[in-house]
Amino acid sequence: MKRYAWAALGLGLCAIATGGARGQARAEQGTASKPAAELRQNYPNPFNPATTIPFTLGGNLFVNGHRPTVSLKIYNVLAQLVAIPILQGTGQPLDGQPMDCTNPAGCSYTAYWDGNVRGGQQASSGVYIYQLVVDGQRFTKKMLIMK
């Protein structure tokens, strides 16, 4: 039973990844401006022992003083939460943080992951999935650790 639960959760992450792309397409259709958010590939990829994850939040998210809630999480291929990266410059984990931006065109941010899992030990070599959630809209990418 446990095996089936993880398979279903893994398929859910895949569905979320395609749902995020559809959500981004809907945001682009509604306005002629830039998309609401963009998740970029981590650098370096593959990495050992640390990586950075850049992302951009469009200016349309900050209209009328709104502060979008942002979370970034890293999962293994079994859909288990591995880590929550920190926002560079603040050192705070990106776990439902309201973001600020004074640029009307939007702002770019960089998250940092030291390659450690939540227990404090180094993550093993393999494929990991990172997911950015901005006000409920999901964006997903893969990364690779090689040791």
C-alpha atoms as a PDB file:
ATOM      1  CA  MET A   1       0.000   0.000   0.000  1.00  0.00           C
ATOM      2  CA  LYS A   2       2.806   2.373   0.877  1.00  0.00           C
ATOM      3  CA  ARG A   3       4.397   1.844  -2.536  1.00  0.00           C
ATOM      4  CA  TYR A   4       1.153   2.843  -4.266  1.00  0.00           C
ATOM      5  CA  ALA A   5       0.826   5.975  -2.130  1.00  0.00           C
ATOM      6  CA  TRP A   6       4.303   7.175  -3.147  1.00  0.00           C
ATOM      7  CA  ALA A   7       3.581   6.410  -6.798  1.00  0.00           C
ATOM      8  CA  ALA A   8       0.386   8.452  -6.608  1.00  0.00           C
ATOM      9  CA  LEU A   9       2.212  11.315  -4.906  1.00  0.00           C
ATOM     10  CA  GLY A  10       4.937  11.180  -7.575  1.00  0.00           C
ATOM     11  CA  LEU A  11       2.323  11.365 -10.298  1.00  0.00           C
ATOM     12  CA  GLY A  12       0.782  14.303  -8.453  1.00  0.00           C
ATOM     13  CA  LEU A  13       4.084  16.201  -8.687  1.00  0.00           C
ATOM     14  CA  CYS A  14       4.175  15.503 -12.433  1.00  0.00           C
ATOM     15  CA  ALA A  15       0.614  16.778 -12.773  1.00  0.00           C
ATOM     16  CA  ILE A  16       1.526  19.860 -10.772  1.00  0.00           C
ATOM     17  CA  ALA A  17       4.450  20.518 -13.108  1.00  0.00           C
ATOM     18  CA  THR A  18       2.170  20.544 -16.143  1.00  0.00           C
ATOM     19  CA  GLY A  19      -0.488  22.482 -14.235  1.00  0.00           C
ATOM     20  CA  GLY A  20       2.066  25.178 -13.436  1.00  0.00           C
ATOM     21  CA  ALA A  21       2.862  25.561 -17.119  1.00  0.00           C
ATOM     22  CA  ARG A  22      -0.841  25.874 -17.901  1.00  0.00           C
ATOM     23  CA  GLY A  23      -1.223  28.451 -15.149  1.00  0.00           C
ATOM     24  CA  GLN A  24       1.649  30.447 -16.613  1.00  0.00           C
ATOM     25  CA  ALA A  25       0.064  30.269 -20.076  1.00  0.00           C
ATOM     26  CA  ARG A  26      -3.226  31.538 -18.617  1.00  0.00           C
ATOM     27  CA  ALA A  27      -1.408  34.437 -16.972  1.00  0.00           C
ATOM     28  CA  GLU A  28       0.220  35.324 -20.299  1.00  0.00           C
ATOM     29  CA  GLN A  29      -3.106  35.209 -22.151  1.00  0.00           C
ATOM     30  CA  GLY A  30      -4.766  37.533 -19.655  1.00  0.00           C
ATOM     31  CA  THR A  31      -2.173  40.292 -19.965  1.00  0.00           C
ATOM     32  CA  ALA A  32       0.348  41.437 -22.519  1.00  0.00           C
ATOM     33  CA  SER A  33       2.965  41.852 -19.774  1.00  0.00           C
ATOM     34  CA  LYS A  34       5.528  39.344 -18.537  1.00  0.00           C
ATOM     35  CA  PRO A  35       4.362  36.134 -16.837  1.00  0.00           C
ATOM     36  CA  ALA A  36       3.547  36.306 -13.139  1.00  0.00           C
ATOM     37  CA  ALA A  37       6.578  34.194 -12.174  1.00  0.00           C
ATOM     38  CA  GLU A  38       9.434  32.341 -13.786  1.00  0.00           C
ATOM     39  CA  LEU A  39      11.481  29.530 -12.273  1.00  0.00           C
ATOM     40  CA  ARG A  40      14.907  29.066 -13.832  1.00  0.00           C
ATOM     41  CA  GLN A  41      17.283  26.114 -13.893  1.00  0.00           C
ATOM     42  CA  ASN A  42      19.542  25.748 -10.867  1.00  0.00           C
ATOM     43  CA  TYR A  43      23.215  26.586 -11.309  1.00  0.00           C
ATOM     44  CA  PRO A  44      25.441  24.626 -11.485  1.00  0.00           C
ATOM     45  CA  ASN A  45      23.537  21.556 -12.615  1.00  0.00           C
ATOM     46  CA  PRO A  46      24.748  18.904 -11.873  1.00  0.00           C
ATOM     47  CA  PHE A  47      26.163  20.253  -8.651  1.00  0.00           C
ATOM     48  CA  ASN A  48      28.298  19.221  -5.708  1.00  0.00           C
ATOM     49  CA  PRO A  49      27.890  20.291  -2.895  1.00  0.00           C
ATOM     50  CA  ALA A  50      25.718  23.448  -3.225  1.00  0.00           C
ATOM     51  CA  THR A  51      23.532  25.158  -5.821  1.00  0.00           C
ATOM     52  CA  THR A  52      21.564  28.340  -6.438  1.00  0.00           C
ATOM     53  CA  ILE A  53      18.036  28.523  -7.827  1.00  0.00           C
ATOM     54  CA  PRO A  54      17.074  31.776  -9.580  1.00  0.00           C
ATOM     55  CA  PHE A  55      13.459  32.877  -9.983  1.00  0.00           C
ATOM     56  CA  THR A  56      11.635  36.025 -11.048  1.00  0.00           C
ATOM     57  CA  LEU A  57       8.369  37.506  -9.848  1.00  0.00           C
ATOM     58  CA  GLY A  58       6.612  39.791 -12.333  1.00  0.00           C
ATOM     59  CA  GLY A  59       5.525  43.292 -11.393  1.00  0.00           C
ATOM     60  CA  ASN A  60       1.866  42.338 -11.921  1.00  0.00           C
ATOM     61  CA  LEU A  61       2.064  40.311  -8.678  1.00  0.00           C
ATOM     62  CA  PHE A  62       2.773  43.435  -6.619  1.00  0.00           C
ATOM     63  CA  VAL A  63      -0.210  45.549  -7.744  1.00  0.00           C
ATOM     64  CA  ASN A  64      -1.971  47.659  -5.083  1.00  0.00           C
ATOM     65  CA  GLY A  65       0.493  46.739  -2.347  1.00  0.00           C
ATOM     66  CA  HIS A  66      -0.089  42.999  -2.678  1.00  0.00           C
ATOM     67  CA  ARG A  67       2.801  40.901  -1.346  1.00  0.00           C
ATOM     68  CA  PRO A  68       2.738  37.450  -2.996  1.00  0.00           C
ATOM     69  CA  THR A  69       3.399  34.427  -0.803  1.00  0.00           C
ATOM     70  CA  VAL A  70       6.347  32.411  -2.092  1.00  0.00           C
ATOM     71  CA  SER A  71       7.549  28.955  -1.155  1.00  0.00           C
ATOM     72  CA  LEU A  72      10.343  26.867  -2.674  1.00  0.00           C
ATOM     73  CA  LYS A  73      10.800  23.212  -1.744  1.00  0.00           C
ATOM     74  CA  ILE A  74      13.047  20.410  -2.909  1.00  0.00           C
ATOM     75  CA  TYR A  75      11.764  16.832  -3.216  1.00  0.00           C
ATOM     76  CA  ASN A  76      13.394  13.512  -4.058  1.00  0.00           C
ATOM     77  CA  VAL A  77      11.975  11.278  -6.796  1.00  0.00           C
ATOM     78  CA  LEU A  78       9.750   9.573  -4.200  1.00  0.00           C
ATOM     79  CA  ALA A  79       8.055  12.956  -3.597  1.00  0.00           C
ATOM     80  CA  GLN A  80       9.516  13.217  -0.080  1.00  0.00           C
ATOM     81  CA  LEU A  81      10.400  16.710   1.119  1.00  0.00           C
ATOM     82  CA  VAL A  82      14.192  16.936   1.225  1.00  0.00           C
ATOM     83  CA  ALA A  83      14.944  20.606   1.932  1.00  0.00           C
ATOM     84  CA  ILE A  84      13.676  24.170   1.923  1.00  0.00           C
ATOM     85  CA  PRO A  85      16.240  26.536   0.351  1.00  0.00           C
ATOM     86  CA  ILE A  86      17.005  29.942   1.832  1.00  0.00           C
ATOM     87  CA  LEU A  87      16.625  33.306   0.129  1.00  0.00           C
ATOM     88  CA  GLN A  88      20.050  34.784  -0.536  1.00  0.00           C
ATOM     89  CA  GLY A  89      20.541  38.094   1.181  1.00  0.00           C
ATOM     90  CA  THR A  90      18.095  37.365   3.994  1.00  0.00           C
ATOM     91  CA  GLY A  91      18.973  33.828   5.077  1.00  0.00           C
ATOM     92  CA  GLN A  92      15.290  33.040   5.668  1.00  0.00           C
ATOM     93  CA  PRO A  93      13.825  29.754   4.409  1.00  0.00           C
ATOM     94  CA  LEU A  94      11.426  30.151   1.481  1.00  0.00           C
ATOM     95  CA  ASP A  95       8.469  28.519   3.175  1.00  0.00           C
ATOM     96  CA  GLY A  96       5.474  30.766   2.592  1.00  0.00           C
ATOM     97  CA  GLN A  97       7.346  34.084   2.760  1.00  0.00           C
ATOM     98  CA  PRO A  98       5.586  37.274   1.619  1.00  0.00           C
ATOM     99  CA  MET A  99       7.894  38.999  -0.870  1.00  0.00           C
ATOM    100  CA  ASP A 100       8.561  42.694  -1.460  1.00  0.00           C
ATOM    101  CA  CYS A 101       9.474  44.395  -4.732  1.00  0.00           C
ATOM    102  CA  THR A 102       9.721  48.098  -5.602  1.00  0.00           C
ATOM    103  CA  ASN A 103      10.444  47.618  -9.317  1.00  0.00           C
ATOM    104  CA  PRO A 104       7.231  47.890 -11.400  1.00  0.00           C
ATOM    105  CA  ALA A 105       8.680  45.455 -13.959  1.00  0.00           C
ATOM    106  CA  GLY A 106       9.236  42.777 -11.313  1.00  0.00           C
ATOM    107  CA  CYS A 107      12.158  41.471  -9.265  1.00  0.00           C
ATOM    108  CA  SER A 108      14.666  38.642  -9.531  1.00  0.00           C
ATOM    109  CA  TYR A 109      15.624  36.520  -6.540  1.00  0.00           C
ATOM    110  CA  THR A 110      18.096  33.739  -5.853  1.00  0.00           C
ATOM    111  CA  ALA A 111      17.595  30.850  -3.463  1.00  0.00           C
ATOM    112  CA  TYR A 112      20.496  28.826  -2.073  1.00  0.00           C
ATOM    113  CA  TRP A 113      20.621  25.149  -1.134  1.00  0.00           C
ATOM    114  CA  ASP A 114      23.717  23.810   0.608  1.00  0.00           C
ATOM    115  CA  GLY A 115      22.999  20.229  -0.514  1.00  0.00           C
ATOM    116  CA  ASN A 116      22.005  19.049   2.959  1.00  0.00           C
ATOM    117  CA  VAL A 117      18.778  17.185   3.641  1.00  0.00           C
ATOM    118  CA  ARG A 118      16.542  18.165   6.555  1.00  0.00           C
ATOM    119  CA  GLY A 119      18.400  15.839   8.957  1.00  0.00           C
ATOM    120  CA  GLY A 120      21.659  17.707   8.357  1.00  0.00           C
ATOM    121  CA  GLN A 121      23.462  15.098   6.261  1.00  0.00           C
ATOM    122  CA  GLN A 122      24.533  15.521   2.633  1.00  0.00           C
ATOM    123  CA  ALA A 123      21.977  14.610  -0.012  1.00  0.00           C
ATOM    124  CA  SER A 124      22.902  11.549  -2.048  1.00  0.00           C
ATOM    125  CA  SER A 125      23.606  11.612  -5.770  1.00  0.00           C
ATOM    126  CA  GLY A 126      20.510  11.544  -7.939  1.00  0.00           C
ATOM    127  CA  VAL A 127      17.646  13.503  -9.421  1.00  0.00           C
ATOM    128  CA  TYR A 128      15.728  16.010  -7.305  1.00  0.00           C
ATOM    129  CA  ILE A 129      12.684  18.109  -8.090  1.00  0.00           C
ATOM    130  CA  TYR A 130      12.274  21.688  -6.927  1.00  0.00           C
ATOM    131  CA  GLN A 131       8.951  23.449  -6.884  1.00  0.00           C
ATOM    132  CA  LEU A 132       8.194  27.161  -6.625  1.00  0.00           C
ATOM    133  CA  VAL A 133       4.710  28.081  -5.411  1.00  0.00           C
ATOM    134  CA  VAL A 134       3.628  31.713  -5.875  1.00  0.00           C
ATOM    135  CA  ASP A 135       0.153  32.522  -4.528  1.00  0.00           C
ATOM    136  CA  GLY A 136      -0.933  28.945  -5.290  1.00  0.00           C
ATOM    137  CA  GLN A 137       0.568  28.849  -8.790  1.00  0.00           C
ATOM    138  CA  ARG A 138       3.178  26.063  -9.148  1.00  0.00           C
ATOM    139  CA  PHE A 139       6.373  25.897 -11.222  1.00  0.00           C
ATOM    140  CA  THR A 140       8.565  22.767 -11.204  1.00  0.00           C
ATOM    141  CA  LYS A 141      12.019  21.825 -12.493  1.00  0.00           C
ATOM    142  CA  LYS A 142      14.528  18.971 -12.057  1.00  0.00           C
ATOM    143  CA  MET A 143      18.113  19.111 -10.810  1.00  0.00           C
ATOM    144  CA  LEU A 144      20.909  16.595 -10.562  1.00  0.00           C
ATOM    145  CA  ILE A 145      23.462  15.942  -7.806  1.00  0.00           C
ATOM    146  CA  MET A 146      26.628  14.073  -8.779  1.00  0.00           C
ATOM    147  CA  LYS A 147      29.283  13.080  -6.281  1.00  0.00           C
END
